Amino acid sequence: MTGKRLYVITGPSGAGTAEIVEKVLADTENVVTVTPLTARKMKEGEVNGEGLIFYDLEEWNALKENGDLLECTEMMGNDYGTSRKLVLEEFEKGNNVLIQTEPERAAQIKRNMPEAVCILVYPFDSDILKARFAEKARSSFEVSVRTEVALSQINSSKLFCDREVDSGSEDKACGEMISIINGN
């Protein structure tokens, strides 16, 4: 390996991980993502390798058996995952790899690649999280349930994540994330 690293960014819904990852990728060199894999059928207009890499079920099962999936999950009857081989290929090209995923999938990656750096992103002030949920919720009950789920995900993620970043301020969170990737 060339000394490059896999950074796994995770957090609950409402944490702002997608926006932070987008900015970090735009503001750093030699940091890339890898295309996710799936065993579902392509939909009309989809192109293999653009957004997803498609496998038939037999190929998918071989990936699982060979240990090539750093993580995999089933969503709505379809299998999705992240390829160890694609991550290692990016390391060989001199790139760090950044993957943004939900906590359960991040935990799988950490188990399968312990050297990965898992970063938990969430607003340290839970009132910010509640306010973000309130912007999109249909009821106070929904805000309460989403907040409870998010706090549970945060607590379970603390068990395997290496670092935590406060997403209360997006710009500050991006700067901290870039600092972590740069080894500071």
Protein backbone atom coordinates (compact mmCIF):
# COMPACT_ATOMS: atom_id res chain seq x y z
CA MET A 1 0.00 0.00 0.00
CA THR A 2 1.19 3.52 -0.75
CA GLY A 3 0.34 5.12 2.60
CA LYS A 4 -3.01 6.42 1.40
CA ARG A 5 -6.10 6.07 3.56
CA LEU A 6 -9.77 5.36 3.45
CA TYR A 7 -11.86 7.99 5.22
CA VAL A 8 -15.39 6.92 6.08
CA ILE A 9 -17.69 9.83 6.83
CA THR A 10 -20.84 8.95 8.69
CA GLY A 11 -23.56 10.56 10.72
CA PRO A 12 -27.28 10.51 11.28
CA SER A 13 -29.83 12.03 8.95
CA GLY A 14 -29.72 15.80 9.37
CA ALA A 15 -26.03 15.90 10.23
CA GLY A 16 -25.02 17.59 6.99
CA THR A 17 -22.53 14.96 5.85
CA ALA A 18 -23.43 15.17 2.14
CA GLU A 19 -22.79 18.91 1.95
CA ILE A 20 -19.54 18.63 3.89
CA VAL A 21 -18.25 15.76 1.75
CA GLU A 22 -19.08 17.67 -1.44
CA LYS A 23 -17.06 20.69 -0.27
CA VAL A 24 -14.15 18.58 0.99
CA LEU A 25 -13.90 16.78 -2.37
CA ALA A 26 -13.95 20.12 -4.21
CA ASP A 27 -11.31 21.66 -1.93
CA THR A 28 -8.75 18.85 -1.72
CA GLU A 29 -6.41 17.16 -4.14
CA ASN A 30 -5.88 13.41 -4.39
CA VAL A 31 -9.11 12.64 -2.51
CA VAL A 32 -11.69 10.68 -4.48
CA THR A 33 -14.77 8.56 -3.99
CA VAL A 34 -15.39 5.12 -5.43
CA THR A 35 -18.48 4.11 -7.36
CA PRO A 36 -20.88 1.97 -5.31
CA LEU A 37 -21.82 -1.51 -6.49
CA THR A 38 -25.26 -3.07 -6.81
CA ALA A 39 -26.87 -6.36 -7.75
CA ARG A 40 -30.09 -4.74 -8.96
CA LYS A 41 -31.10 -4.50 -12.59
CA MET A 42 -30.28 -1.32 -14.46
CA LYS A 43 -33.15 1.07 -14.97
CA GLU A 44 -33.81 2.73 -18.29
CA GLY A 45 -31.27 5.48 -18.92
CA GLU A 46 -28.71 4.16 -16.43
CA VAL A 47 -25.18 3.42 -17.62
CA ASN A 48 -23.00 0.84 -15.90
CA GLY A 49 -20.19 2.63 -14.06
CA GLU A 50 -21.95 6.00 -13.93
CA GLY A 51 -23.33 6.33 -10.43
CA LEU A 52 -23.41 2.57 -9.86
CA ILE A 53 -21.57 -0.51 -11.05
CA PHE A 54 -24.04 -3.31 -11.80
CA TYR A 55 -23.53 -7.03 -11.14
CA ASP A 56 -25.79 -10.00 -11.66
CA LEU A 57 -26.66 -12.00 -8.55
CA GLU A 58 -24.12 -14.75 -9.25
CA GLU A 59 -21.28 -12.21 -9.61
CA TRP A 60 -22.53 -10.39 -6.49
CA ASN A 61 -22.46 -13.56 -4.41
CA ALA A 62 -18.91 -14.23 -5.63
CA LEU A 63 -17.86 -10.74 -4.49
CA LYS A 64 -19.30 -11.46 -1.05
CA GLU A 65 -17.67 -14.89 -0.81
CA ASN A 66 -14.27 -13.53 -1.93
CA GLY A 67 -14.36 -10.75 0.68
CA ASP A 68 -14.30 -7.99 -1.92
CA LEU A 69 -17.16 -6.08 -0.31
CA LEU A 70 -16.09 -3.75 2.47
CA GLU A 71 -19.76 -3.40 3.28
CA CYS A 72 -23.02 -4.49 1.79
CA THR A 73 -26.65 -3.96 2.57
CA GLU A 74 -30.06 -4.69 1.18
CA MET A 75 -32.41 -1.79 0.51
CA MET A 76 -35.89 -2.32 -0.90
CA GLY A 77 -35.01 -5.82 -2.09
CA ASN A 78 -31.76 -4.80 -3.82
CA ASP A 79 -28.14 -5.32 -2.76
CA TYR A 80 -25.64 -2.44 -2.59
CA GLY A 81 -22.03 -2.30 -1.44
CA THR A 82 -18.52 -0.88 -1.59
CA SER A 83 -15.65 -2.66 -3.35
CA ARG A 84 -12.39 -3.24 -1.49
CA LYS A 85 -10.65 -3.67 -4.89
CA LEU A 86 -11.76 -0.22 -6.12
CA VAL A 87 -10.50 1.40 -2.90
CA LEU A 88 -7.12 -0.33 -3.19
CA GLU A 89 -6.84 0.66 -6.87
CA GLU A 90 -7.26 4.32 -5.87
CA PHE A 91 -4.54 3.93 -3.22
CA GLU A 92 -2.22 2.63 -5.95
CA LYS A 93 -2.99 5.74 -8.00
CA GLY A 94 -1.88 7.87 -5.05
CA ASN A 95 -5.36 8.90 -3.92
CA ASN A 96 -7.02 8.92 -0.55
CA VAL A 97 -10.59 7.61 -0.69
CA LEU A 98 -13.54 9.25 0.99
CA ILE A 99 -16.81 7.36 1.44
CA GLN A 100 -19.94 8.89 2.90
CA THR A 101 -22.39 6.34 4.27
CA GLU A 102 -24.87 5.69 7.05
CA PRO A 103 -23.61 4.46 10.45
CA GLU A 104 -24.49 0.78 10.02
CA ARG A 105 -22.56 0.55 6.76
CA ALA A 106 -19.65 2.56 8.21
CA ALA A 107 -19.40 0.04 11.06
CA GLN A 108 -19.12 -2.79 8.50
CA ILE A 109 -16.31 -0.98 6.70
CA LYS A 110 -14.44 -0.43 9.97
CA ARG A 111 -14.74 -4.15 10.81
CA ASN A 112 -13.54 -5.19 7.34
CA MET A 113 -10.80 -2.56 7.03
CA PRO A 114 -9.77 -1.58 10.57
CA GLU A 115 -7.16 0.89 9.29
CA ALA A 116 -9.91 3.03 7.75
CA VAL A 117 -10.43 6.35 9.53
CA CYS A 118 -14.08 6.66 10.50
CA ILE A 119 -15.27 10.20 11.16
CA LEU A 120 -18.58 10.81 12.90
CA VAL A 121 -20.18 14.06 11.77
CA TYR A 122 -23.06 15.61 13.70
CA PRO A 123 -24.01 18.92 15.32
CA PHE A 124 -22.68 18.71 18.87
CA ASP A 125 -25.64 20.88 19.93
CA SER A 126 -28.70 18.62 19.63
CA ASP A 127 -30.94 21.69 19.27
CA ILE A 128 -29.37 22.27 15.84
CA LEU A 129 -30.30 18.72 14.84
CA LYS A 130 -33.88 19.22 16.09
CA ALA A 131 -34.14 22.49 14.16
CA ARG A 132 -32.95 20.78 10.96
CA PHE A 133 -35.56 18.05 11.42
CA ALA A 134 -38.26 20.62 12.14
CA GLU A 135 -37.62 22.29 8.76
CA LYS A 136 -38.74 19.15 6.93
CA ALA A 137 -41.00 17.35 9.42
CA ARG A 138 -44.74 17.14 9.18
CA SER A 139 -45.27 17.01 12.94
CA SER A 140 -43.56 17.48 16.29
CA PHE A 141 -43.89 13.72 16.77
CA GLU A 142 -41.78 13.18 13.63
CA VAL A 143 -39.14 15.60 14.95
CA SER A 144 -39.08 13.69 18.23
CA VAL A 145 -38.73 10.28 16.57
CA ARG A 146 -36.07 11.44 14.11
CA THR A 147 -34.11 13.08 16.93
CA GLU A 148 -34.28 9.91 19.03
CA VAL A 149 -33.05 7.78 16.10
CA ALA A 150 -30.25 10.26 15.34
CA LEU A 151 -29.05 10.35 18.94
CA SER A 152 -29.05 6.54 19.05
CA GLN A 153 -26.99 6.42 15.82
CA ILE A 154 -24.55 8.97 17.22
CA ASN A 155 -24.05 6.98 20.41
CA SER A 156 -23.53 3.67 18.59
CA SER A 157 -21.16 5.30 16.07
CA LYS A 158 -18.97 6.62 18.87
CA LEU A 159 -18.06 2.99 19.59
CA PHE A 160 -16.20 2.55 16.28
CA CYS A 161 -15.45 6.04 14.93
CA ASP A 162 -11.94 7.42 15.31
CA ARG A 163 -12.79 11.12 15.16
CA GLU A 164 -15.80 13.40 15.61
CA VAL A 165 -16.53 16.60 13.72
CA ASP A 166 -19.10 19.19 14.79
CA SER A 167 -21.33 20.02 11.80
CA GLY A 168 -22.98 22.95 13.55
CA SER A 169 -20.93 25.20 11.26
CA GLU A 170 -20.49 23.72 7.79
CA ASP A 171 -17.40 25.80 6.96
CA LYS A 172 -15.68 24.92 10.23
CA ALA A 173 -16.57 21.23 9.76
CA CYS A 174 -15.09 21.27 6.22
CA GLY A 175 -11.89 22.83 7.51
CA GLU A 176 -11.60 20.25 10.27
CA MET A 177 -12.25 17.41 7.85
CA ILE A 178 -9.58 18.67 5.46
CA SER A 179 -7.18 18.99 8.39
CA ILE A 180 -7.82 15.35 9.36
CA ILE A 181 -7.21 14.18 5.78
CA ASN A 182 -4.01 16.24 5.62
CA GLY A 183 -2.78 14.46 8.75
CA ASN A 184 -3.19 17.28 11.24
